[in-house]
C-alpha atoms as a PDB file:
ATOM      1  CA  ALA A   1      53.624  86.606 -71.500  1.00  0.00           C
ATOM      2  CA  THR A   2      52.583  89.433 -69.204  1.00  0.00           C
ATOM      3  CA  MET A   3      53.940  87.664 -66.116  1.00  0.00           C
ATOM      4  CA  SER A   4      57.348  87.195 -67.723  1.00  0.00           C
ATOM      5  CA  LYS A   5      57.450  90.837 -68.810  1.00  0.00           C
ATOM      6  CA  LEU A   6      56.425  91.987 -65.332  1.00  0.00           C
ATOM      7  CA  LEU A   7      59.169  89.900 -63.711  1.00  0.00           C
ATOM      8  CA  THR A   8      61.786  91.091 -66.195  1.00  0.00           C
ATOM      9  CA  TYR A   9      60.858  94.760 -65.879  1.00  0.00           C
ATOM     10  CA  THR A  10      60.731  94.592 -62.094  1.00  0.00           C
ATOM     11  CA  GLY A  11      64.131  92.898 -61.976  1.00  0.00           C
ATOM     12  CA  SER A  12      65.605  95.473 -64.336  1.00  0.00           C
ATOM     13  CA  ILE A  13      64.242  98.370 -62.312  1.00  0.00           C
ATOM     14  CA  LEU A  14      65.577  96.846 -59.084  1.00  0.00           C
ATOM     15  CA  THR A  15      69.011  96.385 -60.636  1.00  0.00           C
ATOM     16  CA  LEU A  16      69.091  99.968 -61.924  1.00  0.00           C
ATOM     17  CA  HIS A  17      67.913 101.266 -58.549  1.00  0.00           C
ATOM     18  CA  SER A  18      70.642  99.345 -56.755  1.00  0.00           C
ATOM     19  CA  ALA A  19      73.268 100.870 -59.061  1.00  0.00           C
ATOM     20  CA  TYR A  20      71.918 104.345 -58.307  1.00  0.00           C
ATOM     21  CA  SER A  21      71.859 103.576 -54.571  1.00  0.00           C
ATOM     22  CA  CYS A  22      75.466 102.414 -54.643  1.00  0.00           C
ATOM     23  CA  LEU A  23      76.599 105.556 -56.463  1.00  0.00           C
ATOM     24  CA  HIS A  24      74.641 107.738 -54.052  1.00  0.00           C
ATOM     25  CA  TYR A  25      76.149 105.916 -51.062  1.00  0.00           C
ATOM     26  CA  ARG A  26      79.676 106.385 -52.395  1.00  0.00           C
ATOM     27  CA  SER A  27      79.087 110.096 -52.956  1.00  0.00           C
ATOM     28  CA  LEU A  28      78.001 110.508 -49.318  1.00  0.00           C
ATOM     29  CA  ILE A  29      80.976 108.807 -47.681  1.00  0.00           C
ATOM     30  CA  ASN A  30      84.409 110.397 -47.679  1.00  0.00           C
ATOM     31  CA  SER A  31      86.559 107.263 -47.616  1.00  0.00           C
ATOM     32  CA  HIS A  32      87.078 105.072 -50.662  1.00  0.00           C
ATOM     33  CA  SER A  33      85.179 101.974 -49.651  1.00  0.00           C
ATOM     34  CA  THR A  34      85.565  99.033 -52.007  1.00  0.00           C
ATOM     35  CA  HIS A  35      82.566  97.135 -50.653  1.00  0.00           C
ATOM     36  CA  PRO A  36      79.011  98.128 -51.583  1.00  0.00           C
ATOM     37  CA  PRO A  37      76.365  98.303 -48.848  1.00  0.00           C
ATOM     38  CA  VAL A  38      74.572  95.090 -47.932  1.00  0.00           C
ATOM     39  CA  ASP A  39      71.169  96.370 -49.070  1.00  0.00           C
ATOM     40  CA  VAL A  40      72.587  97.061 -52.535  1.00  0.00           C
ATOM     41  CA  VAL A  41      73.974  93.525 -52.803  1.00  0.00           C
ATOM     42  CA  ILE A  42      70.633  92.057 -51.733  1.00  0.00           C
ATOM     43  CA  GLU A  43      68.771  94.280 -54.184  1.00  0.00           C
ATOM     44  CA  VAL A  44      71.048  93.227 -57.060  1.00  0.00           C
ATOM     45  CA  ALA A  45      70.582  89.560 -56.177  1.00  0.00           C
ATOM     46  CA  ILE A  46      66.794  89.895 -56.068  1.00  0.00           C
ATOM     47  CA  GLY A  47      66.792  91.871 -59.341  1.00  0.00           C
ATOM     48  CA  PHE A  48      68.942  89.234 -61.033  1.00  0.00           C
ATOM     49  CA  VAL A  49      66.707  86.393 -59.849  1.00  0.00           C
ATOM     50  CA  LEU A  50      63.587  88.236 -61.033  1.00  0.00           C
ATOM     51  CA  CYS A  51      65.119  88.886 -64.457  1.00  0.00           C
ATOM     52  CA  LEU A  52      66.179  85.260 -64.707  1.00  0.00           C
ATOM     53  CA  LEU A  53      62.716  84.011 -63.757  1.00  0.00           C
ATOM     54  CA  GLY A  54      61.125  86.440 -66.196  1.00  0.00           C
ATOM     55  CA  ARG A  55      63.233  85.163 -69.072  1.00  0.00           C
ATOM     56  CA  LEU A  56      62.708  81.528 -68.108  1.00  0.00           C
ATOM     57  CA  THR A  57      58.928  81.899 -67.919  1.00  0.00           C
ATOM     58  CA  SER A  58      58.818  83.467 -71.386  1.00  0.00           C
ATOM     59  CA  VAL A  59      60.290  80.355 -73.019  1.00  0.00           C
ATOM     60  CA  SER A  60      57.830  77.722 -74.097  1.00  0.00           C
ATOM     61  CA  PHE A  61      59.552  74.383 -73.878  1.00  0.00           C
ATOM     62  CA  CYS A  62      56.887  72.534 -75.869  1.00  0.00           C
ATOM     63  CA  LYS A  63      57.609  74.466 -79.063  1.00  0.00           C
ATOM     64  CA  ILE A  64      61.319  73.793 -78.793  1.00  0.00           C
ATOM     65  CA  THR A  65      60.853  70.037 -78.471  1.00  0.00           C
ATOM     66  CA  GLU A  66      58.328  69.927 -81.301  1.00  0.00           C
ATOM     67  CA  ARG A  67      60.669  71.769 -83.656  1.00  0.00           C
ATOM     68  CA  ALA A  68      63.717  69.778 -82.628  1.00  0.00           C
ATOM     69  CA  ALA A  69      61.916  66.471 -83.158  1.00  0.00           C
ATOM     70  CA  GLY A  70      61.459  67.185 -86.866  1.00  0.00           C
ATOM     71  CA  LEU A  71      65.035  68.234 -87.543  1.00  0.00           C
ATOM     72  CA  GLY A  72      66.800  64.939 -87.036  1.00  0.00           C
ATOM     73  CA  ALA A  73      70.227  64.510 -85.517  1.00  0.00           C
ATOM     74  CA  LEU A  74      72.651  67.423 -85.619  1.00  0.00           C
ATOM     75  CA  HIS A  75      75.430  65.371 -87.170  1.00  0.00           C
ATOM     76  CA  ASP A  76      73.159  64.579 -90.154  1.00  0.00           C
ATOM     77  CA  THR A  77      73.131  68.213 -91.264  1.00  0.00           C
ATOM     78  CA  ARG A  78      75.865  69.778 -93.359  1.00  0.00           C
ATOM     79  CA  ASP A  79      76.195  72.823 -91.082  1.00  0.00           C
ATOM     80  CA  PHE A  80      79.156  71.476 -89.145  1.00  0.00           C
ATOM     81  CA  ASP A  81      81.209  70.217 -92.086  1.00  0.00           C
ATOM     82  CA  ILE A  82      84.267  72.453 -92.393  1.00  0.00           C
ATOM     83  CA  TYR A  83      86.850  71.534 -94.985  1.00  0.00           C
ATOM     84  CA  ASN A  84      88.695  74.822 -95.466  1.00  0.00           C
ATOM     85  CA  THR A  85      90.554  75.704 -92.295  1.00  0.00           C
ATOM     86  CA  ARG A  86      93.474  77.968 -91.440  1.00  0.00           C
ATOM     87  CA  ALA A  87      95.719  74.994 -90.742  1.00  0.00           C
ATOM     88  CA  LYS A  88      97.489  75.437 -94.091  1.00  0.00           C
ATOM     89  CA  ILE A  89      98.437  78.990 -93.163  1.00  0.00           C
ATOM     90  CA  VAL A  90      99.489  78.173 -89.598  1.00  0.00           C
ATOM     91  CA  PHE A  91     101.318  74.896 -90.133  1.00  0.00           C
ATOM     92  CA  GLY A  92     102.343  75.251 -93.777  1.00  0.00           C
ATOM     93  CA  ASP A  93     101.992  72.575 -96.433  1.00  0.00           C
ATOM     94  CA  ARG A  94     103.003  69.333 -94.760  1.00  0.00           C
END
Protein backbone atom coordinates (compact mmCIF):
# COMPACT_ATOMS: atom_id res chain seq x y z
CA ALA A 1 0.00 0.00 0.00
CA THR A 2 2.80 2.42 0.79
CA MET A 3 4.59 1.71 -2.49
CA SER A 4 1.46 2.45 -4.51
CA LYS A 5 0.87 5.68 -2.59
CA LEU A 6 4.50 6.72 -3.07
CA LEU A 7 4.30 6.10 -6.82
CA THR A 8 0.99 7.94 -7.13
CA TYR A 9 2.12 10.95 -5.10
CA THR A 10 5.43 11.18 -6.95
CA GLY A 11 3.65 11.01 -10.30
CA SER A 12 1.17 13.67 -9.24
CA ILE A 13 3.90 15.99 -8.03
CA LEU A 14 5.85 15.51 -11.27
CA THR A 15 2.76 16.28 -13.33
CA LEU A 16 2.00 19.42 -11.32
CA HIS A 17 5.63 20.52 -11.57
CA SER A 18 5.61 20.07 -15.33
CA ALA A 19 2.48 22.24 -15.60
CA TYR A 20 4.18 24.95 -13.54
CA SER A 21 7.34 24.66 -15.66
CA CYS A 22 5.36 25.03 -18.87
CA LEU A 23 3.57 28.13 -17.58
CA HIS A 24 6.86 29.61 -16.39
CA TYR A 25 8.48 28.90 -19.77
CA ARG A 26 5.63 30.58 -21.64
CA SER A 27 5.84 33.66 -19.42
CA LEU A 28 9.56 34.02 -20.22
CA ILE A 29 9.30 33.84 -24.01
CA ASN A 30 7.77 36.66 -26.02
CA SER A 31 6.41 34.67 -28.96
CA HIS A 32 3.29 32.53 -28.72
CA SER A 33 4.77 29.08 -29.00
CA THR A 34 2.23 26.28 -29.31
CA HIS A 35 4.68 23.52 -28.43
CA PRO A 36 5.76 22.90 -24.83
CA PRO A 37 9.45 22.31 -24.08
CA VAL A 38 10.78 18.78 -24.44
CA ASP A 39 11.63 18.46 -20.74
CA VAL A 40 8.02 19.25 -19.84
CA VAL A 41 6.71 16.56 -22.19
CA ILE A 42 9.14 14.01 -20.73
CA GLU A 43 8.20 15.01 -17.19
CA VAL A 44 4.47 14.63 -17.94
CA ALA A 45 5.06 11.21 -19.49
CA ILE A 46 7.08 10.02 -16.49
CA GLY A 47 4.48 11.44 -14.07
CA PHE A 48 1.67 9.70 -15.94
CA VAL A 49 3.49 6.36 -15.95
CA LEU A 50 4.22 6.66 -12.22
CA CYS A 51 0.59 7.47 -11.44
CA LEU A 52 -0.55 4.56 -13.58
CA LEU A 53 1.85 2.15 -11.89
CA GLY A 54 0.81 3.45 -8.48
CA ARG A 55 -2.85 2.80 -9.18
CA LEU A 56 -2.16 -0.61 -10.71
CA THR A 57 -0.07 -1.76 -7.75
CA SER A 58 -2.83 -0.77 -5.31
CA VAL A 59 -5.31 -3.21 -6.88
CA SER A 60 -5.30 -6.71 -5.51
CA PHE A 61 -6.33 -9.03 -8.28
CA CYS A 62 -6.92 -12.01 -5.98
CA LYS A 63 -9.82 -10.33 -4.17
CA ILE A 64 -11.50 -9.43 -7.43
CA THR A 65 -11.41 -13.00 -8.74
CA GLU A 66 -12.60 -14.43 -5.43
CA ARG A 67 -15.59 -12.09 -5.33
CA ALA A 68 -16.44 -12.57 -8.99
CA ALA A 69 -16.36 -16.36 -8.66
CA GLY A 70 -19.24 -16.32 -6.18
CA LEU A 71 -21.49 -14.02 -8.18
CA GLY A 72 -22.29 -16.25 -11.11
CA ALA A 73 -22.74 -15.10 -14.67
CA LEU A 74 -23.71 -11.50 -15.32
CA HIS A 75 -26.66 -12.44 -17.52
CA ASP A 76 -28.18 -14.40 -14.60
CA THR A 77 -28.72 -11.24 -12.57
CA ARG A 78 -31.72 -8.97 -13.01
CA ASP A 79 -29.59 -5.80 -13.18
CA PHE A 80 -29.54 -5.62 -16.96
CA ASP A 81 -33.23 -6.29 -17.59
CA ILE A 82 -34.78 -3.07 -18.90
CA TYR A 83 -38.39 -3.18 -19.97
CA ASN A 84 -39.36 0.49 -19.83
CA THR A 85 -37.47 2.40 -22.49
CA ARG A 86 -37.94 5.73 -24.25
CA ALA A 87 -38.78 3.99 -27.52
CA LYS A 88 -42.49 4.72 -27.04
CA ILE A 89 -41.78 8.44 -26.81
CA VAL A 90 -39.32 8.52 -29.72
CA PHE A 91 -41.05 6.21 -32.17
CA GLY A 92 -44.66 6.52 -31.01
CA ASP A 93 -47.06 3.64 -30.50
CA ARG A 94 -46.48 1.28 -33.40
